């Protein structure tokens, strides 16, 4: 497996877009220069472990996903966030969410499977 800074920054940028942020917000939050983030990509530098950890915390993704683009659970960051939110609900709200999903899936037919 070839891990490089360019791919890591692409994943960072994609996740930032999904969260509605830019590199500037990330850099300010982490207390590192925005140019440092750019240099990870330009020079294909793998960020230091402590920087990777802080970036992962900010983006709410596992460090392994930043490094490889894969998550041991097989979930995308958005799916992981959905699961995390679901787990914070009480039993009644969880049942309601499951009911809403079941209703949505009925629209797709074919045993509740989403159409591609």
PDB file of N, CA and C in Angstrom:
ATOM      1  N   UNK A   1       0.849  -1.173   0.000  1.00  0.00           N
ATOM      2  CA  UNK A   1       0.000   0.000   0.000  1.00  0.00           C
ATOM      3  C   UNK A   1       0.897   1.239   0.000  1.00  0.00           C
ATOM      4  N   UNK A   2       0.579   2.151  -0.877  1.00  0.00           N
ATOM      5  CA  UNK A   2       1.353   3.380  -0.992  1.00  0.00           C
ATOM      6  C   UNK A   2       0.565   4.540  -0.369  1.00  0.00           C
ATOM      7  N   UNK A   3       1.025   5.011   0.769  1.00  0.00           N
ATOM      8  CA  UNK A   3       0.369   6.128   1.451  1.00  0.00           C
ATOM      9  C   UNK A   3       1.165   7.386   1.140  1.00  0.00           C
ATOM     10  N   UNK A   4       0.458   8.421   0.645  1.00  0.00           N
ATOM     11  CA  UNK A   4       1.150   9.664   0.341  1.00  0.00           C
ATOM     12  C   UNK A   4       0.288  10.859   0.730  1.00  0.00           C
ATOM     13  N   UNK A   5       0.969  11.965   0.931  1.00  0.00           N
ATOM     14  CA  UNK A   5       0.309  13.182   1.377  1.00  0.00           C
ATOM     15  C   UNK A   5      -0.710  13.728   0.398  1.00  0.00           C
ATOM     16  N   UNK A   6      -0.446  13.554  -0.878  1.00  0.00           N
ATOM     17  CA  UNK A   6      -1.374  14.069  -1.880  1.00  0.00           C
ATOM     18  C   UNK A   6      -2.754  13.432  -1.723  1.00  0.00           C
ATOM     19  N   UNK A   7      -2.788  12.109  -1.593  1.00  0.00           N
ATOM     20  CA  UNK A   7      -4.064  11.403  -1.432  1.00  0.00           C
ATOM     21  C   UNK A   7      -4.737  11.757  -0.106  1.00  0.00           C
ATOM     22  N   UNK A   8      -3.939  11.916   0.940  1.00  0.00           N
ATOM     23  CA  UNK A   8      -4.482  12.296   2.249  1.00  0.00           C
ATOM     24  C   UNK A   8      -5.167  13.655   2.148  1.00  0.00           C
ATOM     25  N   UNK A   9      -4.520  14.606   1.502  1.00  0.00           N
ATOM     26  CA  UNK A   9      -5.100  15.950   1.375  1.00  0.00           C
ATOM     27  C   UNK A   9      -6.352  15.914   0.501  1.00  0.00           C
ATOM     28  N   UNK A  10      -6.380  15.065  -0.514  1.00  0.00           N
ATOM     29  CA  UNK A  10      -7.605  14.932  -1.317  1.00  0.00           C
ATOM     30  C   UNK A  10      -8.762  14.462  -0.440  1.00  0.00           C
ATOM     31  N   UNK A  11      -8.491  13.487   0.434  1.00  0.00           N
ATOM     32  CA  UNK A  11      -9.542  13.015   1.333  1.00  0.00           C
ATOM     33  C   UNK A  11      -9.939  14.118   2.318  1.00  0.00           C
ATOM     34  N   UNK A  12      -8.959  14.851   2.825  1.00  0.00           N
ATOM     35  CA  UNK A  12      -9.243  15.970   3.732  1.00  0.00           C
ATOM     36  C   UNK A  12     -10.136  16.989   3.021  1.00  0.00           C
ATOM     37  N   UNK A  13      -9.755  17.375   1.817  1.00  0.00           N
ATOM     38  CA  UNK A  13     -10.526  18.377   1.070  1.00  0.00           C
ATOM     39  C   UNK A  13     -11.951  17.902   0.792  1.00  0.00           C
ATOM     40  N   UNK A  14     -12.104  16.646   0.398  1.00  0.00           N
ATOM     41  CA  UNK A  14     -13.441  16.109   0.121  1.00  0.00           C
ATOM     42  C   UNK A  14     -14.313  16.128   1.367  1.00  0.00           C
ATOM     43  N   UNK A  15     -13.723  15.761   2.493  1.00  0.00           N
ATOM     44  CA  UNK A  15     -14.485  15.757   3.746  1.00  0.00           C
ATOM     45  C   UNK A  15     -14.815  17.184   4.187  1.00  0.00           C
ATOM     46  N   UNK A  16     -13.867  18.112   4.003  1.00  0.00           N
ATOM     47  CA  UNK A  16     -14.133  19.514   4.339  1.00  0.00           C
ATOM     48  C   UNK A  16     -15.320  20.039   3.542  1.00  0.00           C
ATOM     49  N   UNK A  17     -15.359  19.720   2.251  1.00  0.00           N
ATOM     50  CA  UNK A  17     -16.471  20.143   1.402  1.00  0.00           C
ATOM     51  C   UNK A  17     -17.779  19.559   1.932  1.00  0.00           C
ATOM     52  N   UNK A  18     -17.769  18.272   2.291  1.00  0.00           N
ATOM     53  CA  UNK A  18     -18.972  17.625   2.807  1.00  0.00           C
ATOM     54  C   UNK A  18     -19.463  18.290   4.091  1.00  0.00           C
ATOM     55  N   UNK A  19     -18.532  18.811   4.880  1.00  0.00           N
ATOM     56  CA  UNK A  19     -18.881  19.471   6.138  1.00  0.00           C
ATOM     57  C   UNK A  19     -19.149  20.966   5.960  1.00  0.00           C
ATOM     58  N   UNK A  20     -18.877  21.480   4.756  1.00  0.00           N
ATOM     59  CA  UNK A  20     -19.110  22.897   4.489  1.00  0.00           C
ATOM     60  C   UNK A  20     -17.993  23.810   4.977  1.00  0.00           C
ATOM     61  N   UNK A  21     -16.786  23.280   5.068  1.00  0.00           N
ATOM     62  CA  UNK A  21     -15.628  24.051   5.516  1.00  0.00           C
ATOM     63  C   UNK A  21     -14.566  24.111   4.428  1.00  0.00           C
ATOM     64  N   UNK A  22     -13.586  24.981   4.632  1.00  0.00           N
ATOM     65  CA  UNK A  22     -12.422  25.052   3.766  1.00  0.00           C
ATOM     66  C   UNK A  22     -11.161  24.800   4.574  1.00  0.00           C
ATOM     67  N   UNK A  23     -10.050  24.752   3.887  1.00  0.00           N
ATOM     68  CA  UNK A  23      -8.766  24.515   4.564  1.00  0.00           C
ATOM     69  C   UNK A  23      -8.458  25.585   5.609  1.00  0.00           C
ATOM     70  N   UNK A  24      -8.911  26.804   5.358  1.00  0.00           N
ATOM     71  CA  UNK A  24      -8.614  27.892   6.292  1.00  0.00           C
ATOM     72  C   UNK A  24      -9.199  27.597   7.675  1.00  0.00           C
ATOM     73  N   UNK A  25     -10.440  27.127   7.711  1.00  0.00           N
ATOM     74  CA  UNK A  25     -11.084  26.802   8.986  1.00  0.00           C
ATOM     75  C   UNK A  25     -10.321  25.676   9.688  1.00  0.00           C
ATOM     76  N   UNK A  26      -9.941  24.665   8.928  1.00  0.00           N
ATOM     77  CA  UNK A  26      -9.170  23.556   9.484  1.00  0.00           C
ATOM     78  C   UNK A  26      -7.850  24.056  10.056  1.00  0.00           C
ATOM     79  N   UNK A  27      -7.139  24.852   9.292  1.00  0.00           N
ATOM     80  CA  UNK A  27      -5.842  25.358   9.727  1.00  0.00           C
ATOM     81  C   UNK A  27      -5.967  26.191  11.006  1.00  0.00           C
ATOM     82  N   UNK A  28      -6.975  27.050  11.056  1.00  0.00           N
ATOM     83  CA  UNK A  28      -7.175  27.878  12.245  1.00  0.00           C
ATOM     84  C   UNK A  28      -7.497  27.001  13.451  1.00  0.00           C
ATOM     85  N   UNK A  29      -8.399  26.037  13.257  1.00  0.00           N
ATOM     86  CA  UNK A  29      -8.787  25.160  14.354  1.00  0.00           C
ATOM     87  C   UNK A  29      -7.606  24.351  14.887  1.00  0.00           C
ATOM     88  N   UNK A  30      -6.748  23.894  13.990  1.00  0.00           N
ATOM     89  CA  UNK A  30      -5.599  23.079  14.391  1.00  0.00           C
ATOM     90  C   UNK A  30      -4.403  23.915  14.828  1.00  0.00           C
ATOM     91  N   UNK A  31      -4.442  25.204  14.478  1.00  0.00           N
ATOM     92  CA  UNK A  31      -3.314  26.065  14.831  1.00  0.00           C
ATOM     93  C   UNK A  31      -2.080  25.800  13.992  1.00  0.00           C
ATOM     94  N   UNK A  32      -2.298  25.422  12.732  1.00  0.00           N
ATOM     95  CA  UNK A  32      -1.172  25.210  11.824  1.00  0.00           C
ATOM     96  C   UNK A  32      -1.380  26.084  10.594  1.00  0.00           C
ATOM     97  N   UNK A  33      -0.291  26.477   9.943  1.00  0.00           N
ATOM     98  CA  UNK A  33      -0.446  27.304   8.741  1.00  0.00           C
ATOM     99  C   UNK A  33      -1.154  26.540   7.622  1.00  0.00           C
ATOM    100  N   UNK A  34      -1.986  27.246   6.880  1.00  0.00           N
ATOM    101  CA  UNK A  34      -2.679  26.654   5.735  1.00  0.00           C
ATOM    102  C   UNK A  34      -1.666  26.133   4.716  1.00  0.00           C
ATOM    103  N   UNK A  35      -0.525  26.800   4.630  1.00  0.00           N
ATOM    104  CA  UNK A  35       0.521  26.367   3.695  1.00  0.00           C
ATOM    105  C   UNK A  35       1.086  24.998   4.065  1.00  0.00           C
ATOM    106  N   UNK A  36       1.030  24.648   5.343  1.00  0.00           N
ATOM    107  CA  UNK A  36       1.497  23.324   5.766  1.00  0.00           C
ATOM    108  C   UNK A  36       0.611  22.246   5.160  1.00  0.00           C
ATOM    109  N   UNK A  37      -0.694  22.483   5.182  1.00  0.00           N
ATOM    110  CA  UNK A  37      -1.617  21.519   4.598  1.00  0.00           C
ATOM    111  C   UNK A  37      -1.353  21.386   3.099  1.00  0.00           C
ATOM    112  N   UNK A  38      -1.131  22.511   2.435  1.00  0.00           N
ATOM    113  CA  UNK A  38      -0.824  22.475   1.005  1.00  0.00           C
ATOM    114  C   UNK A  38       0.468  21.719   0.733  1.00  0.00           C
ATOM    115  N   UNK A  39       1.468  21.903   1.598  1.00  0.00           N
ATOM    116  CA  UNK A  39       2.757  21.241   1.371  1.00  0.00           C
ATOM    117  C   UNK A  39       2.646  19.726   1.514  1.00  0.00           C
ATOM    118  N   UNK A  40       1.707  19.246   2.345  1.00  0.00           N
ATOM    119  CA  UNK A  40       1.505  17.799   2.442  1.00  0.00           C
ATOM    120  C   UNK A  40       1.165  17.239   1.075  1.00  0.00           C
ATOM    121  N   UNK A  41       0.338  17.982   0.326  1.00  0.00           N
ATOM    122  CA  UNK A  41      -0.083  17.525  -0.998  1.00  0.00           C
ATOM    123  C   UNK A  41       1.007  17.740  -2.033  1.00  0.00           C
ATOM    124  N   UNK A  42       1.529  18.955  -2.085  1.00  0.00           N
ATOM    125  CA  UNK A  42       2.509  19.310  -3.112  1.00  0.00           C
ATOM    126  C   UNK A  42       3.757  18.439  -3.024  1.00  0.00           C
ATOM    127  N   UNK A  43       4.249  18.241  -1.797  1.00  0.00           N
ATOM    128  CA  UNK A  43       5.482  17.465  -1.596  1.00  0.00           C
ATOM    129  C   UNK A  43       5.200  15.995  -1.298  1.00  0.00           C
ATOM    130  N   UNK A  44       3.907  15.620  -1.319  1.00  0.00           N
ATOM    131  CA  UNK A  44       3.474  14.253  -1.017  1.00  0.00           C
ATOM    132  C   UNK A  44       4.009  13.783   0.334  1.00  0.00           C
ATOM    133  N   UNK A  45       3.916  14.668   1.317  1.00  0.00           N
ATOM    134  CA  UNK A  45       4.388  14.373   2.671  1.00  0.00           C
ATOM    135  C   UNK A  45       3.234  13.791   3.483  1.00  0.00           C
ATOM    136  N   UNK A  46       3.492  12.693   4.162  1.00  0.00           N
ATOM    137  CA  UNK A  46       2.506  12.151   5.091  1.00  0.00           C
ATOM    138  C   UNK A  46       2.620  12.981   6.371  1.00  0.00           C
ATOM    139  N   UNK A  47       1.514  13.588   6.799  1.00  0.00           N
ATOM    140  CA  UNK A  47       1.553  14.431   8.001  1.00  0.00           C
ATOM    141  C   UNK A  47       2.000  13.648   9.237  1.00  0.00           C
ATOM    142  N   UNK A  48       2.503  14.380  10.218  1.00  0.00           N
ATOM    143  CA  UNK A  48       2.909  13.766  11.484  1.00  0.00           C
ATOM    144  C   UNK A  48       1.688  13.118  12.135  1.00  0.00           C
ATOM    145  N   UNK A  49       1.938  12.115  12.945  1.00  0.00           N
ATOM    146  CA  UNK A  49       0.849  11.373  13.596  1.00  0.00           C
ATOM    147  C   UNK A  49      -0.051  12.286  14.419  1.00  0.00           C
ATOM    148  N   UNK A  50       0.534  13.237  15.150  1.00  0.00           N
ATOM    149  CA  UNK A  50      -0.302  14.108  15.982  1.00  0.00           C
ATOM    150  C   UNK A  50      -1.163  15.021  15.116  1.00  0.00           C
ATOM    151  N   UNK A  51      -0.637  15.469  13.981  1.00  0.00           N
ATOM    152  CA  UNK A  51      -1.444  16.281  13.064  1.00  0.00           C
ATOM    153  C   UNK A  51      -2.570  15.448  12.437  1.00  0.00           C
ATOM    154  N   UNK A  52      -2.248  14.222  12.027  1.00  0.00           N
ATOM    155  CA  UNK A  52      -3.274  13.341  11.458  1.00  0.00           C
ATOM    156  C   UNK A  52      -4.398  13.096  12.457  1.00  0.00           C
ATOM    157  N   UNK A  53      -4.025  12.866  13.701  1.00  0.00           N
ATOM    158  CA  UNK A  53      -5.025  12.615  14.729  1.00  0.00           C
ATOM    159  C   UNK A  53      -5.939  13.825  14.900  1.00  0.00           C
ATOM    160  N   UNK A  54      -5.358  15.012  14.975  1.00  0.00           N
ATOM    161  CA  UNK A  54      -6.154  16.223  15.171  1.00  0.00           C
ATOM    162  C   UNK A  54      -7.044  16.497  13.957  1.00  0.00           C
ATOM    163  N   UNK A  55      -6.524  16.254  12.752  1.00  0.00           N
ATOM    164  CA  UNK A  55      -7.327  16.419  11.538  1.00  0.00           C
ATOM    165  C   UNK A  55      -8.503  15.434  11.574  1.00  0.00           C
ATOM    166  N   UNK A  56      -8.223  14.189  11.923  1.00  0.00           N
ATOM    167  CA  UNK A  56      -9.273  13.168  11.981  1.00  0.00           C
ATOM    168  C   UNK A  56     -10.355  13.559  12.990  1.00  0.00           C
ATOM    169  N   UNK A  57      -9.939  14.084  14.132  1.00  0.00           N
ATOM    170  CA  UNK A  57     -10.909  14.521  15.138  1.00  0.00           C
ATOM    171  C   UNK A  57     -11.776  15.653  14.599  1.00  0.00           C
ATOM    172  N   UNK A  58     -11.154  16.615  13.933  1.00  0.00           N
ATOM    173  CA  UNK A  58     -11.889  17.746  13.372  1.00  0.00           C
ATOM    174  C   UNK A  58     -12.885  17.266  12.317  1.00  0.00           C
ATOM    175  N   UNK A  59     -12.449  16.344  11.460  1.00  0.00           N
ATOM    176  CA  UNK A  59     -13.288  15.862  10.358  1.00  0.00           C
ATOM    177  C   UNK A  59     -14.254  14.758  10.779  1.00  0.00           C
ATOM    178  N   UNK A  60     -14.092  14.269  12.018  1.00  0.00           N
ATOM    179  CA  UNK A  60     -14.931  13.184  12.542  1.00  0.00           C
ATOM    180  C   UNK A  60     -14.816  11.926  11.685  1.00  0.00           C
ATOM    181  N   UNK A  61     -13.574  11.560  11.391  1.00  0.00           N
ATOM    182  CA  UNK A  61     -13.284  10.346  10.626  1.00  0.00           C
ATOM    183  C   UNK A  61     -12.153   9.596  11.328  1.00  0.00           C
ATOM    184  N   UNK A  62     -12.022   8.295  11.082  1.00  0.00           N
ATOM    185  CA  UNK A  62     -10.898   7.549  11.646  1.00  0.00           C
ATOM    186  C   UNK A  62      -9.579   7.924  10.955  1.00  0.00           C
ATOM    187  N   UNK A  63      -8.497   7.864  11.689  1.00  0.00           N
ATOM    188  CA  UNK A  63      -7.172   8.161  11.124  1.00  0.00           C
ATOM    189  C   UNK A  63      -6.878   7.210   9.969  1.00  0.00           C
ATOM    190  N   UNK A  64      -7.263   5.945  10.114  1.00  0.00           N
ATOM    191  CA  UNK A  64      -6.988   4.980   9.045  1.00  0.00           C
ATOM    192  C   UNK A  64      -7.666   5.408   7.744  1.00  0.00           C
ATOM    193  N   UNK A  65      -8.829   6.049   7.831  1.00  0.00           N
ATOM    194  CA  UNK A  65      -9.496   6.527   6.620  1.00  0.00           C
ATOM    195  C   UNK A  65      -8.691   7.644   5.973  1.00  0.00           C
ATOM    196  N   UNK A  66      -8.124   8.535   6.773  1.00  0.00           N
ATOM    197  CA  UNK A  66      -7.285   9.587   6.196  1.00  0.00           C
ATOM    198  C   UNK A  66      -6.088   8.985   5.475  1.00  0.00           C
ATOM    199  N   UNK A  67      -5.504   7.961   6.059  1.00  0.00           N
ATOM    200  CA  UNK A  67      -4.307   7.349   5.480  1.00  0.00           C
ATOM    201  C   UNK A  67      -4.602   6.519   4.237  1.00  0.00           C
ATOM    202  N   UNK A  68      -5.693   5.768   4.261  1.00  0.00           N
ATOM    203  CA  UNK A  68      -5.929   4.780   3.205  1.00  0.00           C
ATOM    204  C   UNK A  68      -7.189   5.008   2.375  1.00  0.00           C
ATOM    205  N   UNK A  69      -8.106   5.813   2.907  1.00  0.00           N
ATOM    206  CA  UNK A  69      -9.390   5.982   2.236  1.00  0.00           C
ATOM    207  C   UNK A  69     -10.352   4.862   2.566  1.00  0.00           C
ATOM    208  N   UNK A  70      -9.933   3.954   3.454  1.00  0.00           N
ATOM    209  CA  UNK A  70     -10.767   2.830   3.850  1.00  0.00           C
ATOM    210  C   UNK A  70     -11.016   2.897   5.354  1.00  0.00           C
ATOM    211  N   UNK A  71     -12.164   2.406   5.747  1.00  0.00           N
ATOM    212  CA  UNK A  71     -12.538   2.371   7.149  1.00  0.00           C
ATOM    213  C   UNK A  71     -12.778   0.919   7.504  1.00  0.00           C
ATOM    214  N   UNK A  72     -12.278   0.493   8.642  1.00  0.00           N
ATOM    215  CA  UNK A  72     -12.420  -0.910   9.033  1.00  0.00           C
ATOM    216  C   UNK A  72     -13.879  -1.344   9.123  1.00  0.00           C
ATOM    217  N   UNK A  73     -14.791  -0.416   9.283  1.00  0.00           N
ATOM    218  CA  UNK A  73     -16.212  -0.757   9.355  1.00  0.00           C
ATOM    219  C   UNK A  73     -16.844  -0.855   7.979  1.00  0.00           C
ATOM    220  N   UNK A  74     -16.194  -0.303   6.976  1.00  0.00           N
ATOM    221  CA  UNK A  74     -16.760  -0.278   5.634  1.00  0.00           C
ATOM    222  C   UNK A  74     -17.739   0.870   5.424  1.00  0.00           C
ATOM    223  N   UNK A  75     -17.867   1.748   6.421  1.00  0.00           N
ATOM    224  CA  UNK A  75     -18.783   2.882   6.325  1.00  0.00           C
ATOM    225  C   UNK A  75     -18.089   4.111   5.768  1.00  0.00           C
ATOM    226  N   UNK A  76     -18.836   4.900   5.012  1.00  0.00           N
ATOM    227  CA  UNK A  76     -18.323   6.202   4.595  1.00  0.00           C
ATOM    228  C   UNK A  76     -18.379   7.135   5.801  1.00  0.00           C
ATOM    229  N   UNK A  77     -17.674   8.258   5.765  1.00  0.00           N
ATOM    230  CA  UNK A  77     -17.774   9.207   6.887  1.00  0.00           C
ATOM    231  C   UNK A  77     -19.208   9.657   7.150  1.00  0.00           C
ATOM    232  N   UNK A  78     -19.997   9.838   6.096  1.00  0.00           N
ATOM    233  CA  UNK A  78     -21.382  10.260   6.271  1.00  0.00           C
ATOM    234  C   UNK A  78     -22.203   9.168   6.948  1.00  0.00           C
ATOM    235  N   UNK A  79     -21.970   7.909   6.563  1.00  0.00           N
ATOM    236  CA  UNK A  79     -22.691   6.800   7.194  1.00  0.00           C
ATOM    237  C   UNK A  79     -22.277   6.651   8.654  1.00  0.00           C
ATOM    238  N   UNK A  80     -20.997   6.817   8.918  1.00  0.00           N
ATOM    239  CA  UNK A  80     -20.495   6.741  10.290  1.00  0.00           C
ATOM    240  C   UNK A  80     -21.142   7.827  11.151  1.00  0.00           C
ATOM    241  N   UNK A  81     -21.263   9.029  10.605  1.00  0.00           N
ATOM    242  CA  UNK A  81     -21.889  10.131  11.334  1.00  0.00           C
ATOM    243  C   UNK A  81     -23.358   9.820  11.618  1.00  0.00           C
ATOM    244  N   UNK A  82     -24.046   9.230  10.641  1.00  0.00           N
ATOM    245  CA  UNK A  82     -25.443   8.846  10.824  1.00  0.00           C
ATOM    246  C   UNK A  82     -25.578   7.826  11.951  1.00  0.00           C
ATOM    247  N   UNK A  83     -24.702   6.837  11.967  1.00  0.00           N
ATOM    248  CA  UNK A  83     -24.729   5.819  13.022  1.00  0.00           C
ATOM    249  C   UNK A  83     -24.452   6.468  14.381  1.00  0.00           C
ATOM    250  N   UNK A  84     -23.462   7.348  14.434  1.00  0.00           N
ATOM    251  CA  UNK A  84     -23.148   8.027  15.695  1.00  0.00           C
ATOM    252  C   UNK A  84     -24.337   8.836  16.207  1.00  0.00           C
ATOM    253  N   UNK A  85     -25.026   9.528  15.309  1.00  0.00           N
ATOM    254  CA  UNK A  85     -26.214  10.303  15.705  1.00  0.00           C
ATOM    255  C   UNK A  85     -27.320   9.372  16.189  1.00  0.00           C
ATOM    256  N   UNK A  86     -27.535   8.296  15.466  1.00  0.00           N
ATOM    257  CA  UNK A  86     -28.563   7.324  15.837  1.00  0.00           C
ATOM    258  C   UNK A  86     -28.305   6.785  17.244  1.00  0.00           C
ATOM    259  N   UNK A  87     -27.070   6.497  17.558  1.00  0.00           N
ATOM    260  CA  UNK A  87     -26.721   5.939  18.867  1.00  0.00           C
ATOM    261  C   UNK A  87     -26.990   6.913  20.011  1.00  0.00           C
ATOM    262  N   UNK A  88     -27.037   8.194  19.722  1.00  0.00           N
ATOM    263  CA  UNK A  88     -27.294   9.188  20.763  1.00  0.00           C
ATOM    264  C   UNK A  88     -28.786   9.349  21.066  1.00  0.00           C
ATOM    265  N   UNK A  89     -29.643   8.743  20.241  1.00  0.00           N
ATOM    266  CA  UNK A  89     -31.085   8.841  20.446  1.00  0.00           C
ATOM    267  C   UNK A  89     -31.554   7.858  21.512  1.00  0.00           C
ATOM    268  N   UNK A  90     -32.705   8.180  22.119  1.00  0.00           N
ATOM    269  CA  UNK A  90     -33.301   7.215  23.049  1.00  0.00           C
ATOM    270  C   UNK A  90     -34.066   6.164  22.236  1.00  0.00           C
ATOM    271  N   UNK A  91     -34.547   5.128  22.923  1.00  0.00           N
ATOM    272  CA  UNK A  91     -35.201   4.006  22.233  1.00  0.00           C
ATOM    273  C   UNK A  91     -36.410   4.451  21.409  1.00  0.00           C
ATOM    274  N   UNK A  92     -37.208   5.357  21.942  1.00  0.00           N
ATOM    275  CA  UNK A  92     -38.398   5.818  21.232  1.00  0.00           C
ATOM    276  C   UNK A  92     -38.026   6.527  19.932  1.00  0.00           C
ATOM    277  N   UNK A  93     -37.030   7.418  19.995  1.00  0.00           N
ATOM    278  CA  UNK A  93     -36.607   8.135  18.791  1.00  0.00           C
ATOM    279  C   UNK A  93     -35.939   7.204  17.786  1.00  0.00           C
ATOM    280  N   UNK A  94     -35.209   6.201  18.274  1.00  0.00           N
ATOM    281  CA  UNK A  94     -34.604   5.225  17.355  1.00  0.00           C
ATOM    282  C   UNK A  94     -35.685   4.489  16.583  1.00  0.00           C
ATOM    283  N   UNK A  95     -36.737   4.078  17.293  1.00  0.00           N
ATOM    284  CA  UNK A  95     -37.844   3.368  16.632  1.00  0.00           C
ATOM    285  C   UNK A  95     -38.496   4.267  15.585  1.00  0.00           C
ATOM    286  N   UNK A  96     -38.621   5.550  15.901  1.00  0.00           N
ATOM    287  CA  UNK A  96     -39.216   6.497  14.952  1.00  0.00           C
ATOM    288  C   UNK A  96     -38.351   6.640  13.702  1.00  0.00           C
ATOM    289  N   UNK A  97     -37.043   6.721  13.891  1.00  0.00           N
ATOM    290  CA  UNK A  97     -36.119   6.845  12.758  1.00  0.00           C
ATOM    291  C   UNK A  97     -36.196   5.602  11.878  1.00  0.00           C
ATOM    292  N   UNK A  98     -36.212   4.430  12.485  1.00  0.00           N
ATOM    293  CA  UNK A  98     -36.318   3.187  11.727  1.00  0.00           C
ATOM    294  C   UNK A  98     -37.625   3.174  10.938  1.00  0.00           C
ATOM    295  N   UNK A  99     -38.715   3.651  11.545  1.00  0.00           N
ATOM    296  CA  UNK A  99     -39.994   3.728  10.848  1.00  0.00           C
ATOM    297  C   UNK A  99     -39.941   4.662   9.652  1.00  0.00           C
ATOM    298  N   UNK A 100     -39.293   5.797   9.810  1.00  0.00           N
ATOM    299  CA  UNK A 100     -39.157   6.756   8.702  1.00  0.00           C
ATOM    300  C   UNK A 100     -38.360   6.133   7.561  1.00  0.00           C
ATOM    301  N   UNK A 101     -37.287   5.447   7.901  1.00  0.00           N
ATOM    302  CA  UNK A 101     -36.470   4.798   6.868  1.00  0.00           C
ATOM    303  C   UNK A 101     -37.284   3.729   6.148  1.00  0.00           C
ATOM    304  N   UNK A 102     -38.067   2.959   6.909  1.00  0.00           N
ATOM    305  CA  UNK A 102     -38.905   1.923   6.288  1.00  0.00           C
ATOM    306  C   UNK A 102     -39.893   2.546   5.308  1.00  0.00           C
ATOM    307  N   UNK A 103     -40.491   3.672   5.683  1.00  0.00           N
ATOM    308  CA  UNK A 103     -41.424   4.358   4.779  1.00  0.00           C
ATOM    309  C   UNK A 103     -40.721   4.825   3.508  1.00  0.00           C
ATOM    310  N   UNK A 104     -39.534   5.386   3.671  1.00  0.00           N
ATOM    311  CA  UNK A 104     -38.773   5.850   2.505  1.00  0.00           C
ATOM    312  C   UNK A 104     -38.433   4.686   1.583  1.00  0.00           C
ATOM    313  N   UNK A 105     -38.032   3.559   2.165  1.00  0.00           N
ATOM    314  CA  UNK A 105     -37.645   2.408   1.357  1.00  0.00           C
ATOM    315  C   UNK A 105     -38.828   1.792   0.626  1.00  0.00           C
ATOM    316  N   UNK A 106     -40.020   1.916   1.190  1.00  0.00           N
ATOM    317  CA  UNK A 106     -41.217   1.416   0.506  1.00  0.00           C
ATOM    318  C   UNK A 106     -41.391   2.078  -0.853  1.00  0.00           C
ATOM    319  N   UNK A 107     -40.967   3.332  -0.947  1.00  0.00           N
ATOM    320  CA  UNK A 107     -41.067   4.049  -2.224  1.00  0.00           C
ATOM    321  C   UNK A 107     -40.243   3.391  -3.308  1.00  0.00           C
ATOM    322  N   UNK A 108     -39.179   2.691  -2.923  1.00  0.00           N
ATOM    323  CA  UNK A 108     -38.297   2.067  -3.904  1.00  0.00           C
ATOM    324  C   UNK A 108     -38.823   0.732  -4.409  1.00  0.00           C
ATOM    325  N   UNK A 109     -39.697   0.089  -3.635  1.00  0.00           N
ATOM    326  CA  UNK A 109     -40.198  -1.223  -4.036  1.00  0.00           C
ATOM    327  C   UNK A 109     -39.095  -2.257  -3.936  1.00  0.00           C
ATOM    328  N   UNK A 110     -39.226  -3.335  -4.621  1.00  0.00           N
ATOM    329  CA  UNK A 110     -38.228  -4.405  -4.680  1.00  0.00           C
ATOM    330  C   UNK A 110     -37.715  -4.790  -3.302  1.00  0.00           C
ATOM    331  N   UNK A 111     -38.596  -5.017  -2.372  1.00  0.00           N
ATOM    332  CA  UNK A 111     -38.195  -5.488  -1.044  1.00  0.00           C
ATOM    333  C   UNK A 111     -37.472  -4.431  -0.229  1.00  0.00           C
ATOM    334  N   UNK A 112     -37.685  -3.164  -0.542  1.00  0.00           N
ATOM    335  CA  UNK A 112     -37.078  -2.115   0.264  1.00  0.00           C
ATOM    336  C   UNK A 112     -35.670  -1.743  -0.131  1.00  0.00           C
ATOM    337  N   UNK A 113     -35.175  -2.308  -1.216  1.00  0.00           N
ATOM    338  CA  UNK A 113     -33.813  -1.969  -1.640  1.00  0.00           C
ATOM    339  C   UNK A 113     -33.823  -0.714  -2.496  1.00  0.00           C
ATOM    340  N   UNK A 114     -32.868   0.176  -2.212  1.00  0.00           N
ATOM    341  CA  UNK A 114     -32.779   1.415  -2.985  1.00  0.00           C
ATOM    342  C   UNK A 114     -32.376   1.107  -4.416  1.00  0.00           C
ATOM    343  N   UNK A 115     -32.971   1.825  -5.333  1.00  0.00           N
ATOM    344  CA  UNK A 115     -32.611   1.660  -6.746  1.00  0.00           C
ATOM    345  C   UNK A 115     -31.371   2.462  -7.058  1.00  0.00           C
ATOM    346  N   UNK A 116     -30.490   1.903  -7.837  1.00  0.00           N
ATOM    347  CA  UNK A 116     -29.238   2.592  -8.171  1.00  0.00           C
ATOM    348  C   UNK A 116     -29.483   3.654  -9.215  1.00  0.00           C
TER     349      UNK A 116
END
